[in-house]
Amino acid sequence: MKKILILGITCLMIMPSLSLNLGMNINNKLNPSDLSLKELSISSPMRTPTFEELATDSFLGLSRRNYWFHSVLEDGEGNTYMFVEIFKRQWDPACFSAKSFYADGNEGEKWMPFLTWEKSVDTVSQEIYLTAEESTQYLHVTITKDNYHIIMGDSISSWPWSIELLFTPEMTFYYNNGDSAVEFNPTYHVAGFEQVCSCHGTLTIPGDEIELTGIAHAEHFFEDKDVCEAFYQCGKELWMPFNLGNIKGIFVVFCGYKDAGILIDNTYHYIGNNFHISDILIENGSLKYVVVDVFLDNTSYTFRYDAMGRMWDTQYWTHCSASIEDSIYDEGLSWIENIIWEVGDQPIVEITNPGRGCLYIFDQEIMSTIFGNTIIIGGITIEAYAMDNQSGVNKVELYVDGVLKNTDNYPPYQWLWDEFAFGNHELKVVAYDNQGNTATDEIEVIIFNIGE
């Protein structure tokens, strides 16, 4: 009887507004592109960059910062190789570095100095040629719409070597879904796209040719000022591409901005900020692992990255595994770029239930709402995720309209909200760590509930 009464009252209250909204939609011919994929909870057609986007020096009004090419490859004997190629803004310097992680646990390293390089475009074949030459070292990159061909080496020194790699893009992820530049700080803006690739190549050293296969990543990054300055100011920067065969994607976190895209069985899903870092371990300044949780199409995905080796201070090659519901899906190569995750030792907190832009009836998620509102009918369990990698979480407080309703000292951080409530209300959670630092998250909801 209580459920029938609530549904009846709710229908009477929201039907006029629904009718009005539907009428407005018809009159204004609502464009589906006005609605974000996060609100609609649908898959997105995967966009392929045009040659003009690959070649351009500006994107969405921002200047190109660089090309980045990363690859993590394995040979037939269980050895792993990580290569990083960096091409800075305005085609000035280039750098190549390589690190090998051998099966016996030893490491080898090879650096190519910064070189002067040039960019040229062949308008007939529509290819970009990036070349760098200096005495004994050489580097050539050819970029087409379909692949990246990289050749580099040292042909004159006493230990000549060369490597030839072919990157084949398999998934393209645009920041902010490519709709606009991202403002993650009042004075910093970024744009661009990342491509998760498969990769194969040959490493030639005296007396041996080593065949390599694995994962690769190409980044086209644009900015209006040096975003690395912001990273070092606010911290919490992670770039995490992965390729597990039929499932591949990338998670990006920097400062307060989160974004992600996943390709599952050739269907692309723009995730946006609908994921959270459920666990991360950093010991003595070195990243050990990261765990990411995603809820997509009524299915829970957990991705775990375990660091296996390190290049520079920020680059890690990792093994990544995905569990779907309770089953391990696969394991493959991946990597992480991480810059000073803990700045000020701040905790992290996020309201995970109710989700933004969803309809809930009697504590069950039913569907995404058309206009992005969070609508609740009946009672609902409010859940929060909290983490502090330094001192640990001391407690999490939950507020409704500024009134403290519940305090939890241990996970799970949740509370059943089942009291008389109608209309618009604000939910807020505050996490405290053991050093007195705090973090908050808030969500506006529309609720119709007569209570217990």
Protein backbone atom coordinates (compact mmCIF):
# COMPACT_ATOMS: atom_id res chain seq x y z
CA MET A 1 0.00 0.00 0.00
CA LYS A 2 2.85 2.38 0.87
CA LYS A 3 4.54 1.80 -2.51
CA ILE A 4 1.27 2.30 -4.40
CA LEU A 5 0.58 5.53 -2.47
CA ILE A 6 4.07 6.89 -3.17
CA LEU A 7 3.85 6.03 -6.88
CA GLY A 8 0.41 7.59 -7.15
CA ILE A 9 1.41 10.83 -5.46
CA THR A 10 4.63 10.98 -7.49
CA CYS A 11 2.83 10.54 -10.79
CA LEU A 12 0.36 13.30 -9.91
CA MET A 13 3.22 15.64 -9.00
CA ILE A 14 5.57 15.00 -11.92
CA MET A 15 3.11 14.43 -14.80
CA PRO A 16 2.47 18.16 -15.40
CA SER A 17 6.18 18.88 -15.56
CA LEU A 18 6.74 15.89 -17.82
CA SER A 19 4.02 17.06 -20.14
CA LEU A 20 5.49 20.54 -20.19
CA ASN A 21 8.96 19.22 -20.85
CA LEU A 22 7.76 16.93 -23.61
CA GLY A 23 5.95 19.82 -25.21
CA MET A 24 9.07 21.95 -25.00
CA ASN A 25 11.10 19.19 -26.59
CA ILE A 26 8.73 18.93 -29.52
CA ASN A 27 8.58 22.68 -30.03
CA ASN A 28 12.34 23.13 -29.75
CA LYS A 29 13.23 19.95 -31.67
CA LEU A 30 15.62 18.72 -29.01
CA ASN A 31 18.93 17.71 -30.56
CA PRO A 32 20.24 14.40 -29.13
CA SER A 33 23.75 15.88 -29.17
CA ASP A 34 22.59 18.27 -26.44
CA LEU A 35 22.44 15.31 -24.05
CA SER A 36 25.66 13.86 -22.72
CA LEU A 37 26.38 10.15 -23.10
CA LYS A 38 26.80 9.96 -19.34
CA GLU A 39 23.19 11.05 -18.88
CA LEU A 40 21.88 8.75 -21.60
CA SER A 41 24.09 5.81 -20.55
CA ILE A 42 24.49 4.61 -24.13
CA SER A 43 27.45 3.63 -26.25
CA SER A 44 29.07 6.13 -28.58
CA PRO A 45 30.23 5.56 -32.14
CA MET A 46 34.00 5.42 -32.01
CA ARG A 47 35.47 8.36 -33.87
CA THR A 48 38.56 7.98 -36.02
CA PRO A 49 40.81 11.04 -36.17
CA THR A 50 41.02 12.71 -39.56
CA PHE A 51 44.39 13.33 -41.12
CA GLU A 52 43.84 17.02 -40.48
CA GLU A 53 43.43 16.33 -36.74
CA LEU A 54 46.59 14.24 -36.71
CA ALA A 55 48.57 16.93 -38.51
CA THR A 56 47.14 20.06 -36.92
CA ASP A 57 49.08 22.33 -34.60
CA SER A 58 45.87 23.41 -32.85
CA PHE A 59 42.74 21.63 -31.68
CA LEU A 60 39.57 23.18 -30.23
CA GLY A 61 41.40 26.49 -30.04
CA LEU A 62 44.43 25.17 -28.12
CA SER A 63 48.04 24.78 -29.25
CA ARG A 64 49.68 21.41 -29.63
CA ARG A 65 51.94 20.43 -26.76
CA ASN A 66 53.39 17.21 -28.12
CA TYR A 67 53.17 13.85 -29.70
CA TRP A 68 53.76 11.03 -27.25
CA PHE A 69 54.36 7.43 -28.28
CA HIS A 70 54.60 4.74 -25.60
CA SER A 71 54.91 1.01 -26.09
CA VAL A 72 55.28 -1.98 -23.78
CA LEU A 73 56.43 -5.06 -25.67
CA GLU A 74 57.47 -8.63 -24.96
CA ASP A 75 59.78 -11.00 -26.76
CA GLY A 76 59.47 -14.79 -26.91
CA GLU A 77 61.54 -15.36 -23.78
CA GLY A 78 59.45 -13.44 -21.26
CA ASN A 79 61.48 -10.21 -21.38
CA THR A 80 59.66 -6.90 -21.45
CA TYR A 81 60.72 -3.69 -23.17
CA MET A 82 59.29 -0.23 -22.66
CA PHE A 83 59.84 2.54 -25.20
CA VAL A 84 58.87 6.19 -24.85
CA GLU A 85 59.18 8.73 -27.64
CA ILE A 86 58.42 12.39 -26.94
CA PHE A 87 58.02 15.15 -29.48
CA LYS A 88 57.65 18.53 -27.89
CA ARG A 89 55.58 21.49 -28.96
CA GLN A 90 56.39 23.38 -32.15
CA TRP A 91 58.59 20.61 -33.50
CA ASP A 92 61.66 21.65 -31.60
CA PRO A 93 63.26 18.83 -29.57
CA ALA A 94 62.67 15.10 -29.67
CA CYS A 95 63.68 12.41 -27.22
CA PHE A 96 63.68 8.61 -27.30
CA SER A 97 64.30 6.32 -24.37
CA ALA A 98 64.10 2.58 -23.88
CA LYS A 99 64.25 0.31 -20.89
CA SER A 100 64.41 -3.47 -20.81
CA PHE A 101 63.18 -5.70 -18.00
CA TYR A 102 64.76 -9.10 -18.41
CA ALA A 103 63.36 -12.41 -17.25
CA ASP A 104 66.17 -12.74 -14.71
CA GLY A 105 65.14 -9.46 -13.07
CA ASN A 106 67.98 -7.32 -14.42
CA GLU A 107 67.32 -4.03 -16.19
CA GLY A 108 68.95 -2.37 -19.18
CA GLU A 109 68.50 1.18 -20.36
CA LYS A 110 69.13 3.12 -23.57
CA TRP A 111 68.71 6.85 -24.07
CA MET A 112 68.78 8.90 -27.22
CA PRO A 113 69.69 12.54 -26.56
CA PHE A 114 67.38 15.39 -27.41
CA LEU A 115 67.61 16.01 -31.13
CA THR A 116 66.54 18.76 -33.47
CA TRP A 117 63.75 17.54 -35.66
CA GLU A 118 61.54 18.72 -38.48
CA LYS A 119 57.97 18.16 -39.58
CA SER A 120 56.91 17.87 -43.21
CA VAL A 121 53.62 16.84 -44.78
CA ASP A 122 53.31 14.92 -48.05
CA THR A 123 50.06 16.25 -49.48
CA VAL A 124 49.91 13.49 -52.09
CA SER A 125 49.93 10.53 -49.72
CA GLN A 126 48.64 12.59 -46.80
CA GLU A 127 51.38 11.51 -44.45
CA ILE A 128 53.27 13.42 -41.78
CA TYR A 129 57.01 12.84 -41.61
CA LEU A 130 58.82 13.69 -38.41
CA THR A 131 62.58 13.29 -38.68
CA ALA A 132 65.52 13.87 -36.35
CA GLU A 133 69.17 13.43 -37.22
CA GLU A 134 72.35 13.96 -35.20
CA SER A 135 75.72 12.32 -35.84
CA THR A 136 75.31 8.66 -34.89
CA GLN A 137 71.63 8.72 -33.87
CA TYR A 138 68.61 8.85 -36.11
CA LEU A 139 64.84 8.91 -35.66
CA HIS A 140 62.07 8.90 -38.25
CA VAL A 141 58.33 8.85 -37.62
CA THR A 142 55.71 8.52 -40.34
CA ILE A 143 52.14 9.22 -39.27
CA THR A 144 49.14 8.26 -41.37
CA LYS A 145 45.48 7.98 -40.52
CA ASP A 146 45.89 4.22 -40.10
CA ASN A 147 49.20 3.74 -38.29
CA TYR A 148 52.40 5.15 -36.85
CA HIS A 149 55.72 3.87 -38.21
CA ILE A 150 58.71 4.62 -36.00
CA ILE A 151 62.34 3.84 -36.87
CA MET A 152 65.19 4.86 -34.60
CA GLY A 153 68.69 3.79 -33.77
CA ASP A 154 72.43 4.33 -33.59
CA SER A 155 74.20 3.15 -36.71
CA ILE A 156 77.78 4.33 -36.30
CA SER A 157 78.76 3.81 -32.66
CA SER A 158 80.65 0.78 -31.39
CA TRP A 159 77.36 -0.82 -30.32
CA PRO A 160 74.98 -0.22 -33.26
CA TRP A 161 71.32 -0.89 -32.68
CA SER A 162 67.97 -0.03 -34.22
CA ILE A 163 64.30 -0.56 -33.57
CA GLU A 164 61.37 -0.48 -35.95
CA LEU A 165 57.85 -0.29 -34.51
CA LEU A 166 54.44 -0.23 -36.15
CA PHE A 167 51.56 1.12 -34.04
CA THR A 168 48.05 0.13 -35.18
CA PRO A 169 45.35 2.25 -33.47
CA GLU A 170 42.42 0.18 -32.22
CA MET A 171 40.52 2.68 -30.02
CA THR A 172 40.44 6.47 -29.99
CA PHE A 173 39.46 8.38 -26.87
CA TYR A 174 38.77 12.13 -27.08
CA TYR A 175 38.99 14.26 -23.95
CA ASN A 176 35.50 15.47 -23.03
CA ASN A 177 34.25 13.27 -25.89
CA GLY A 178 35.73 15.86 -28.26
CA ASP A 179 32.85 18.26 -27.64
CA SER A 180 34.91 21.09 -26.15
CA ALA A 181 38.17 21.84 -24.41
CA VAL A 182 38.41 20.71 -20.79
CA GLU A 183 38.65 23.38 -18.10
CA PHE A 184 40.14 21.60 -15.11
CA ASN A 185 41.38 24.75 -13.47
CA PRO A 186 40.15 28.34 -13.99
CA THR A 187 43.33 29.12 -15.92
CA TYR A 188 44.20 25.75 -17.52
CA HIS A 189 42.54 24.13 -20.51
CA VAL A 190 43.39 20.94 -22.38
CA ALA A 191 42.07 19.08 -25.41
CA GLY A 192 43.09 16.25 -27.66
CA PHE A 193 42.81 12.52 -28.07
CA GLU A 194 44.52 9.27 -27.12
CA GLN A 195 44.80 6.12 -29.22
CA VAL A 196 45.18 2.68 -27.69
CA CYS A 197 47.12 0.59 -30.19
CA SER A 198 48.50 -2.85 -30.80
CA CYS A 199 52.17 -2.88 -31.67
CA HIS A 200 54.78 -5.12 -33.22
CA GLY A 201 58.36 -4.51 -34.20
CA THR A 202 61.95 -5.64 -34.39
CA LEU A 203 64.85 -4.71 -32.13
CA THR A 204 68.18 -5.23 -33.91
CA ILE A 205 71.35 -5.53 -31.87
CA PRO A 206 74.73 -7.00 -32.84
CA GLY A 207 74.20 -10.60 -33.82
CA ASP A 208 70.48 -10.75 -33.05
CA GLU A 209 67.06 -9.60 -34.21
CA ILE A 210 64.37 -9.69 -31.50
CA GLU A 211 60.71 -9.79 -32.52
CA LEU A 212 58.44 -7.81 -30.19
CA THR A 213 54.66 -7.58 -29.72
CA GLY A 214 52.48 -5.75 -27.21
CA ILE A 215 50.48 -2.64 -26.45
CA ALA A 216 51.14 0.90 -27.61
CA HIS A 217 49.68 4.32 -27.03
CA ALA A 218 49.71 7.52 -29.09
CA GLU A 219 48.79 10.83 -27.50
CA HIS A 220 47.91 14.08 -29.23
CA PHE A 221 47.79 16.68 -26.48
CA PHE A 222 46.88 20.37 -26.72
CA GLU A 223 46.91 23.08 -24.04
CA ASP A 224 46.75 26.82 -23.49
CA LYS A 225 49.57 26.82 -20.90
CA ASP A 226 51.92 24.29 -19.35
CA VAL A 227 49.55 21.87 -17.63
CA CYS A 228 52.45 20.09 -15.93
CA GLU A 229 52.70 23.14 -13.69
CA ALA A 230 49.13 22.48 -12.57
CA PHE A 231 49.87 18.79 -12.02
CA TYR A 232 52.70 19.59 -9.66
CA GLN A 233 50.51 22.13 -7.85
CA CYS A 234 47.47 19.93 -7.32
CA GLY A 235 48.82 16.42 -7.95
CA LYS A 236 46.59 13.40 -8.57
CA GLU A 237 47.64 12.72 -12.16
CA LEU A 238 47.20 9.29 -13.75
CA TRP A 239 47.18 8.20 -17.39
CA MET A 240 46.26 4.51 -17.64
CA PRO A 241 45.75 2.92 -21.08
CA PHE A 242 45.26 -0.85 -21.32
CA ASN A 243 44.67 -3.47 -24.00
CA LEU A 244 43.20 -6.84 -23.04
CA GLY A 245 42.19 -8.06 -26.47
CA ASN A 246 38.42 -7.72 -26.74
CA ILE A 247 38.38 -5.03 -24.07
CA LYS A 248 40.65 -2.00 -24.14
CA GLY A 249 40.53 1.58 -23.02
CA ILE A 250 42.04 4.37 -20.98
CA PHE A 251 41.39 6.09 -17.65
CA VAL A 252 42.63 9.66 -17.14
CA VAL A 253 42.78 11.57 -13.85
CA PHE A 254 44.42 14.92 -13.30
CA CYS A 255 43.66 17.48 -10.64
CA GLY A 256 39.86 17.45 -10.29
CA TYR A 257 39.23 16.09 -13.79
CA LYS A 258 38.35 12.47 -14.61
CA ASP A 259 37.64 10.99 -18.03
CA ALA A 260 37.60 7.55 -19.61
CA GLY A 261 36.62 5.49 -22.62
CA ILE A 262 36.35 1.70 -23.07
CA LEU A 263 35.96 -0.45 -26.18
CA ILE A 264 34.18 -3.76 -25.48
CA ASP A 265 33.74 -6.23 -28.35
CA ASN A 266 34.08 -3.37 -30.87
CA THR A 267 31.44 -1.23 -29.12
CA TYR A 268 32.80 2.03 -27.79
CA HIS A 269 31.57 3.41 -24.46
CA TYR A 270 32.40 6.93 -23.42
CA ILE A 271 32.63 6.60 -19.63
CA GLY A 272 33.33 10.23 -18.74
CA ASN A 273 33.78 10.59 -14.98
CA ASN A 274 31.63 7.55 -14.12
CA PHE A 275 34.44 5.57 -12.51
CA HIS A 276 36.44 5.84 -9.33
CA ILE A 277 39.86 4.85 -8.06
CA SER A 278 38.92 2.28 -5.45
CA ASP A 279 42.46 1.56 -4.28
CA ILE A 280 45.97 2.84 -4.88
CA LEU A 281 49.26 2.04 -3.18
CA ILE A 282 52.37 4.23 -3.29
CA GLU A 283 55.37 3.20 -1.20
CA ASN A 284 58.49 5.35 -0.81
CA GLY A 285 57.42 7.47 -3.73
CA SER A 286 56.92 4.50 -6.04
CA LEU A 287 53.55 3.42 -7.43
CA LYS A 288 52.70 -0.22 -6.68
CA TYR A 289 49.16 -0.72 -7.96
CA VAL A 290 45.92 1.03 -8.89
CA VAL A 291 42.38 -0.39 -8.86
CA VAL A 292 39.57 1.20 -10.89
CA ASP A 293 35.86 0.41 -10.61
CA VAL A 294 33.32 1.02 -13.38
CA PHE A 295 29.58 0.26 -13.50
CA LEU A 296 28.46 -0.01 -17.13
CA ASP A 297 25.24 -1.40 -18.59
CA ASN A 298 24.25 -2.93 -15.23
CA THR A 299 27.60 -4.71 -15.04
CA SER A 300 30.45 -4.09 -12.58
CA TYR A 301 33.99 -3.96 -13.98
CA THR A 302 37.13 -3.83 -11.88
CA PHE A 303 40.48 -3.09 -13.50
CA ARG A 304 43.70 -3.65 -11.60
CA TYR A 305 47.09 -2.33 -12.70
CA ASP A 306 50.14 -3.89 -11.00
CA ALA A 307 53.42 -2.05 -11.54
CA MET A 308 56.17 -4.33 -12.83
CA GLY A 309 58.89 -1.86 -13.81
CA ARG A 310 59.61 1.84 -14.00
CA MET A 311 61.06 4.30 -16.48
CA TRP A 312 61.94 7.80 -15.29
CA ASP A 313 60.09 9.01 -12.21
CA THR A 314 56.63 8.90 -13.75
CA GLN A 315 56.36 6.02 -16.23
CA TYR A 316 55.47 2.47 -15.15
CA TRP A 317 54.83 -0.61 -17.21
CA THR A 318 52.16 -2.74 -15.62
CA HIS A 319 50.12 -5.90 -15.91
CA CYS A 320 46.41 -5.17 -16.09
CA SER A 321 43.56 -7.55 -15.34
CA ALA A 322 39.81 -7.01 -15.55
CA SER A 323 37.18 -8.76 -13.46
CA ILE A 324 33.59 -8.64 -14.65
CA GLU A 325 31.22 -9.38 -11.80
CA ASP A 326 33.16 -12.17 -10.05
CA SER A 327 35.14 -13.60 -12.97
CA ILE A 328 38.64 -12.65 -14.11
CA TYR A 329 38.32 -11.51 -17.71
CA ASP A 330 41.88 -11.38 -18.98
CA GLU A 331 45.38 -10.14 -18.30
CA GLY A 332 47.64 -8.09 -20.52
CA LEU A 333 50.20 -5.33 -20.76
CA SER A 334 49.46 -1.76 -19.84
CA TRP A 335 51.18 1.21 -18.28
CA ILE A 336 50.64 4.16 -16.03
CA GLU A 337 51.94 7.68 -16.02
CA ASN A 338 51.77 9.05 -12.49
CA ILE A 339 52.81 12.44 -11.12
CA ILE A 340 52.81 13.05 -7.33
CA TRP A 341 49.44 11.55 -6.46
CA GLU A 342 49.40 12.81 -2.87
CA VAL A 343 49.71 16.57 -2.57
CA GLY A 344 48.79 17.84 0.87
CA ASP A 345 47.84 14.28 1.83
CA GLN A 346 44.20 14.98 1.01
CA PRO A 347 41.65 12.16 1.25
CA ILE A 348 39.39 11.23 -1.64
CA VAL A 349 35.62 10.88 -1.31
CA GLU A 350 32.85 10.26 -3.82
CA ILE A 351 29.11 9.58 -3.60
CA THR A 352 28.68 6.33 -5.50
CA ASN A 353 24.95 5.81 -4.85
CA PRO A 354 22.70 7.39 -6.01
CA GLY A 355 24.44 7.93 -9.33
CA ARG A 356 24.10 11.19 -11.17
CA GLY A 357 21.39 11.33 -13.81
CA CYS A 358 19.56 8.14 -12.78
CA LEU A 359 16.04 7.17 -11.67
CA TYR A 360 15.71 5.04 -8.50
CA ILE A 361 12.52 3.32 -7.32
CA PHE A 362 12.57 1.75 -3.85
CA ASP A 363 16.36 1.58 -3.69
CA GLN A 364 16.78 0.09 -7.18
CA GLU A 365 18.36 1.87 -10.14
CA ILE A 366 15.88 1.75 -13.01
CA MET A 367 17.22 3.87 -15.87
CA SER A 368 19.02 7.05 -16.81
CA THR A 369 16.91 10.20 -16.84
CA ILE A 370 16.56 12.19 -20.03
CA PHE A 371 17.45 15.56 -18.54
CA GLY A 372 20.23 14.41 -16.24
CA ASN A 373 18.36 14.83 -12.95
CA THR A 374 18.76 12.29 -10.16
CA ILE A 375 15.21 11.21 -9.21
CA ILE A 376 14.43 8.99 -6.21
CA ILE A 377 11.08 7.37 -5.45
CA GLY A 378 10.89 5.79 -1.99
CA GLY A 379 13.85 5.20 0.30
CA ILE A 380 17.41 4.83 -0.93
CA THR A 381 20.76 3.67 0.45
CA ILE A 382 23.30 6.46 0.18
CA GLU A 383 26.78 5.07 -0.37
CA ALA A 384 30.16 6.78 -0.50
CA TYR A 385 33.67 5.70 -1.39
CA ALA A 386 36.55 7.20 0.63
CA MET A 387 40.31 6.65 0.55
CA ASP A 388 43.46 8.23 1.97
CA ASN A 389 46.70 6.63 0.92
CA GLN A 390 48.82 8.31 3.61
CA SER A 391 47.24 8.43 7.06
CA GLY A 392 44.02 6.53 6.32
CA VAL A 393 40.35 7.51 6.56
CA ASN A 394 39.18 8.41 10.06
CA LYS A 395 35.47 8.90 9.39
CA VAL A 396 32.89 9.83 6.76
CA GLU A 397 29.92 12.09 7.54
CA LEU A 398 26.72 12.21 5.52
CA TYR A 399 24.54 15.33 5.38
CA VAL A 400 21.08 16.03 3.96
CA ASP A 401 20.52 19.74 3.34
CA GLY A 402 23.37 20.56 5.70
CA VAL A 403 22.03 18.40 8.55
CA LEU A 404 24.30 15.59 9.76
CA LYS A 405 22.49 12.28 9.38
CA ASN A 406 25.14 9.60 9.78
CA THR A 407 28.80 9.06 10.67
CA ASP A 408 30.80 5.95 9.72
CA ASN A 409 34.30 5.19 10.95
CA TYR A 410 34.72 2.10 8.80
CA PRO A 411 33.60 1.04 5.34
CA PRO A 412 31.12 0.47 3.90
CA TYR A 413 30.16 4.15 4.21
CA GLN A 414 26.41 4.01 3.73
CA TRP A 415 23.09 5.04 5.25
CA LEU A 416 19.47 4.21 4.40
CA TRP A 417 17.57 7.46 3.76
CA ASP A 418 13.95 6.50 4.34
CA GLU A 419 12.18 9.49 5.89
CA PHE A 420 9.57 11.93 4.69
CA ALA A 421 11.13 13.95 1.89
CA PHE A 422 9.65 15.60 -1.20
CA GLY A 423 11.25 17.79 -3.84
CA ASN A 424 14.81 19.03 -4.22
CA HIS A 425 17.44 18.13 -1.63
CA GLU A 426 21.23 18.20 -1.37
CA LEU A 427 23.28 15.19 -0.29
CA LYS A 428 26.82 15.79 0.90
CA VAL A 429 29.55 13.55 2.27
CA VAL A 430 32.66 14.72 4.12
CA ALA A 431 35.68 12.44 4.58
CA TYR A 432 38.26 13.05 7.31
CA ASP A 433 41.69 11.45 7.37
CA ASN A 434 43.78 10.79 10.48
CA GLN A 435 45.72 14.02 9.99
CA GLY A 436 42.60 16.21 10.01
CA ASN A 437 42.42 16.80 6.24
CA THR A 438 38.97 16.73 4.62
CA ALA A 439 37.36 16.17 1.24
CA THR A 440 33.72 16.58 0.17
CA ASP A 441 31.35 15.49 -2.56
CA GLU A 442 27.80 16.69 -3.20
CA ILE A 443 24.84 15.77 -5.36
CA GLU A 444 21.43 17.37 -5.95
CA VAL A 445 18.48 14.96 -6.00
CA ILE A 446 14.72 15.07 -6.45
CA ILE A 447 13.00 12.68 -4.04
CA PHE A 448 9.42 11.57 -3.40
CA ASN A 449 9.14 9.54 -0.20
CA ILE A 450 6.53 9.49 2.59
CA GLY A 451 8.97 7.69 4.91
CA GLU A 452 8.71 4.57 7.01
